[in-house]
N, C-alpha and C. Protein backbone atom coordinates (compact mmCIF):
# COMPACT_ATOMS: atom_id res chain seq x y z
N MET A 1 31.83 115.58 97.88
CA MET A 1 32.16 116.86 97.18
C MET A 1 30.99 117.73 97.20
N LEU A 2 31.19 119.00 97.45
CA LEU A 2 30.16 119.99 97.49
C LEU A 2 29.82 120.53 96.12
N SER A 3 28.58 120.70 95.77
CA SER A 3 28.25 121.20 94.46
C SER A 3 27.02 122.14 94.62
N ALA A 4 26.64 122.74 93.58
CA ALA A 4 25.44 123.66 93.59
C ALA A 4 24.25 122.89 94.00
N MET A 5 23.37 123.45 94.81
CA MET A 5 22.13 122.84 95.18
C MET A 5 21.20 122.65 93.96
N ASP A 6 20.20 121.82 94.14
CA ASP A 6 19.23 121.58 93.00
C ASP A 6 18.61 122.84 92.63
N GLY A 7 18.59 123.10 91.31
CA GLY A 7 18.02 124.35 90.82
C GLY A 7 19.04 125.53 90.60
N ASP A 8 20.21 125.35 91.29
CA ASP A 8 21.23 126.35 91.14
C ASP A 8 22.06 126.05 89.88
N VAL A 9 22.48 127.08 89.27
CA VAL A 9 23.31 126.90 88.03
C VAL A 9 24.58 127.81 88.16
N HIS A 10 25.60 127.36 87.51
CA HIS A 10 26.91 128.09 87.51
C HIS A 10 26.73 129.27 86.47
N ILE A 11 27.77 130.13 86.45
CA ILE A 11 27.70 131.31 85.73
C ILE A 11 27.47 131.17 84.17
N GLY A 12 28.03 130.12 83.61
CA GLY A 12 27.83 129.88 82.20
C GLY A 12 26.28 129.59 81.83
N GLU A 13 25.64 128.79 82.60
CA GLU A 13 24.29 128.57 82.38
C GLU A 13 23.42 129.76 82.71
N ALA A 14 23.78 130.49 83.76
CA ALA A 14 22.94 131.66 84.11
C ALA A 14 23.08 132.70 82.96
N ALA A 15 24.27 132.88 82.48
CA ALA A 15 24.50 133.86 81.40
C ALA A 15 23.69 133.47 80.21
N ARG A 16 23.70 132.20 79.87
CA ARG A 16 22.90 131.63 78.69
C ARG A 16 21.44 131.98 78.87
N ARG A 17 20.88 131.74 80.04
CA ARG A 17 19.49 132.00 80.37
C ARG A 17 19.12 133.41 80.24
N LEU A 18 20.06 134.29 80.68
CA LEU A 18 19.85 135.72 80.60
C LEU A 18 20.19 136.34 79.27
N GLY A 19 20.85 135.62 78.37
CA GLY A 19 21.18 136.13 77.05
C GLY A 19 22.37 137.04 77.06
N VAL A 20 23.31 136.84 78.00
CA VAL A 20 24.53 137.63 78.08
C VAL A 20 25.72 136.66 78.26
N THR A 21 26.91 137.22 78.29
CA THR A 21 28.07 136.37 78.43
C THR A 21 28.51 136.27 79.91
N PRO A 22 29.12 135.23 80.28
CA PRO A 22 29.64 135.14 81.60
C PRO A 22 30.58 136.34 82.01
N LYS A 23 31.36 136.80 81.03
CA LYS A 23 32.24 137.95 81.22
C LYS A 23 31.42 139.18 81.57
N HIS A 24 30.21 139.35 80.96
CA HIS A 24 29.43 140.49 81.18
C HIS A 24 28.84 140.38 82.69
N LEU A 25 28.43 139.25 83.18
CA LEU A 25 27.96 139.15 84.50
C LEU A 25 29.11 139.45 85.45
N ARG A 26 30.29 138.97 85.26
CA ARG A 26 31.41 139.26 86.05
C ARG A 26 31.77 140.75 86.10
N THR A 27 31.67 141.36 84.97
CA THR A 27 31.92 142.85 84.90
C THR A 27 30.89 143.62 85.65
N LEU A 28 29.59 143.26 85.48
CA LEU A 28 28.52 143.97 86.28
C LEU A 28 28.72 143.79 87.78
N GLU A 29 29.14 142.57 88.18
CA GLU A 29 29.39 142.30 89.62
C GLU A 29 30.63 143.13 90.13
N ARG A 30 31.64 143.11 89.36
CA ARG A 30 32.83 143.82 89.78
C ARG A 30 32.60 145.35 89.83
N GLU A 31 31.74 145.87 88.97
CA GLU A 31 31.42 147.31 89.00
C GLU A 31 30.44 147.72 90.04
N GLY A 32 29.91 146.59 90.74
CA GLY A 32 28.87 146.89 91.75
C GLY A 32 27.44 147.20 91.25
N ARG A 33 27.28 146.90 89.97
CA ARG A 33 25.98 147.13 89.36
C ARG A 33 24.92 146.01 89.52
N ILE A 34 25.38 144.82 90.00
CA ILE A 34 24.51 143.78 90.41
C ILE A 34 25.03 143.18 91.75
N PRO A 35 24.16 142.56 92.52
CA PRO A 35 24.65 141.92 93.74
C PRO A 35 25.64 140.74 93.46
N ALA A 36 26.61 140.62 94.36
CA ALA A 36 27.59 139.63 94.19
C ALA A 36 26.87 138.21 94.23
N ALA A 37 27.34 137.29 93.44
CA ALA A 37 26.79 135.89 93.34
C ALA A 37 27.42 135.09 94.50
N ARG A 38 26.66 134.05 94.94
CA ARG A 38 27.21 133.12 95.88
C ARG A 38 28.26 132.30 95.11
N ARG A 39 29.12 131.71 95.85
CA ARG A 39 30.20 130.93 95.25
C ARG A 39 30.24 129.54 95.81
N ASP A 40 30.70 128.59 95.04
CA ASP A 40 31.08 127.24 95.55
C ASP A 40 32.53 127.03 95.06
N PHE A 41 33.01 125.78 95.18
CA PHE A 41 34.36 125.53 94.72
C PHE A 41 34.59 125.68 93.28
N ASN A 42 33.56 125.67 92.48
CA ASN A 42 33.62 125.74 91.06
C ASN A 42 33.37 127.18 90.52
N GLY A 43 33.15 128.14 91.41
CA GLY A 43 32.84 129.49 90.91
C GLY A 43 31.50 130.00 91.34
N ARG A 44 31.01 131.00 90.61
CA ARG A 44 29.78 131.64 90.96
C ARG A 44 28.54 130.78 90.65
N ILE A 45 27.54 130.76 91.59
CA ILE A 45 26.38 130.02 91.38
C ILE A 45 25.17 130.93 91.51
N TYR A 46 24.05 130.73 90.81
CA TYR A 46 22.86 131.49 90.74
C TYR A 46 21.63 130.60 90.95
N SER A 47 20.73 131.04 91.78
CA SER A 47 19.48 130.37 92.05
C SER A 47 18.46 130.93 91.03
N GLU A 48 17.25 130.29 91.08
CA GLU A 48 16.17 130.86 90.16
C GLU A 48 15.84 132.28 90.75
N PHE A 49 15.85 132.43 92.02
CA PHE A 49 15.63 133.78 92.66
C PHE A 49 16.57 134.76 92.07
N ASP A 50 17.91 134.40 92.08
CA ASP A 50 18.98 135.34 91.61
C ASP A 50 18.72 135.71 90.13
N LEU A 51 18.30 134.77 89.32
CA LEU A 51 18.06 135.07 87.89
C LEU A 51 16.89 135.92 87.75
N THR A 52 15.83 135.69 88.53
CA THR A 52 14.63 136.60 88.45
C THR A 52 15.02 138.01 88.87
N LEU A 53 15.83 138.07 89.90
CA LEU A 53 16.28 139.40 90.33
C LEU A 53 17.16 140.16 89.25
N LEU A 54 18.05 139.42 88.63
CA LEU A 54 18.86 140.00 87.65
C LEU A 54 17.98 140.45 86.42
N ARG A 55 16.96 139.62 86.10
CA ARG A 55 16.08 140.08 84.99
C ARG A 55 15.36 141.35 85.43
N GLY A 56 14.88 141.34 86.68
CA GLY A 56 14.14 142.53 87.16
C GLY A 56 15.07 143.83 87.13
N LEU A 57 16.29 143.66 87.29
CA LEU A 57 17.23 144.80 87.25
C LEU A 57 17.58 145.20 85.83
N GLY A 58 17.11 144.30 84.80
CA GLY A 58 17.41 144.68 83.44
C GLY A 58 18.53 143.92 82.80
N VAL A 59 19.14 143.01 83.45
CA VAL A 59 20.28 142.24 82.88
C VAL A 59 19.70 141.40 81.73
N GLY A 60 20.25 141.48 80.56
CA GLY A 60 19.83 140.68 79.41
C GLY A 60 18.76 141.36 78.58
N SER A 61 18.17 142.47 78.98
CA SER A 61 17.10 143.10 78.13
C SER A 61 17.66 144.26 77.37
N ARG A 62 19.00 144.49 77.51
CA ARG A 62 19.67 145.52 76.77
C ARG A 62 19.00 146.95 77.01
N PRO A 63 18.82 147.26 78.24
CA PRO A 63 18.25 148.60 78.54
C PRO A 63 19.29 149.67 78.34
N TRP A 64 18.91 150.85 78.34
CA TRP A 64 19.93 151.98 78.25
C TRP A 64 20.80 151.97 79.51
N ARG A 65 20.20 151.64 80.59
CA ARG A 65 20.98 151.41 81.86
C ARG A 65 20.19 150.51 82.74
N LEU A 66 20.95 149.84 83.60
CA LEU A 66 20.28 148.97 84.51
C LEU A 66 19.45 149.72 85.58
N ARG A 67 18.29 149.19 85.97
CA ARG A 67 17.45 149.69 86.96
C ARG A 67 18.09 149.50 88.30
N ARG A 68 17.79 150.41 89.18
CA ARG A 68 18.20 150.28 90.61
C ARG A 68 17.28 149.32 91.25
N SER A 69 17.64 148.73 92.35
CA SER A 69 16.78 147.74 93.06
C SER A 69 15.46 148.33 93.46
N GLY A 70 15.35 149.53 93.82
CA GLY A 70 14.01 150.18 94.18
C GLY A 70 13.13 150.22 92.95
N GLN A 71 13.73 150.53 91.83
CA GLN A 71 12.87 150.62 90.60
C GLN A 71 12.42 149.18 90.18
N ALA A 72 13.24 148.21 90.34
CA ALA A 72 12.86 146.80 89.99
C ALA A 72 11.74 146.40 90.86
N ARG A 73 11.70 146.74 92.09
CA ARG A 73 10.61 146.34 93.06
C ARG A 73 9.34 147.02 92.65
N GLU A 74 9.43 148.27 92.18
CA GLU A 74 8.14 148.99 91.77
C GLU A 74 7.64 148.36 90.53
N THR A 75 8.50 147.95 89.58
CA THR A 75 7.98 147.31 88.32
C THR A 75 7.41 146.01 88.61
N ALA A 76 7.85 145.25 89.64
CA ALA A 76 7.32 143.94 89.90
C ALA A 76 5.90 143.99 90.50
N ARG A 77 5.49 145.12 91.09
CA ARG A 77 4.20 145.20 91.75
C ARG A 77 3.09 145.34 90.80
């Protein structure tokens, strides 16, 4: 049976770590505000890199609006 790789988490755990709901992550993805998550047979999966990227974009920090990917890269420098 295929499952998430070591260190990868499903949407519920990712949402918990980011301080949002799974529904919020799905909505952001559907609206194109965050990159689409990888999927396995059990749904969306996120790596530590994905979680770091989402934090860099402002997911979970309750910003007025999410940062664009270019803005996130500048902040990380």
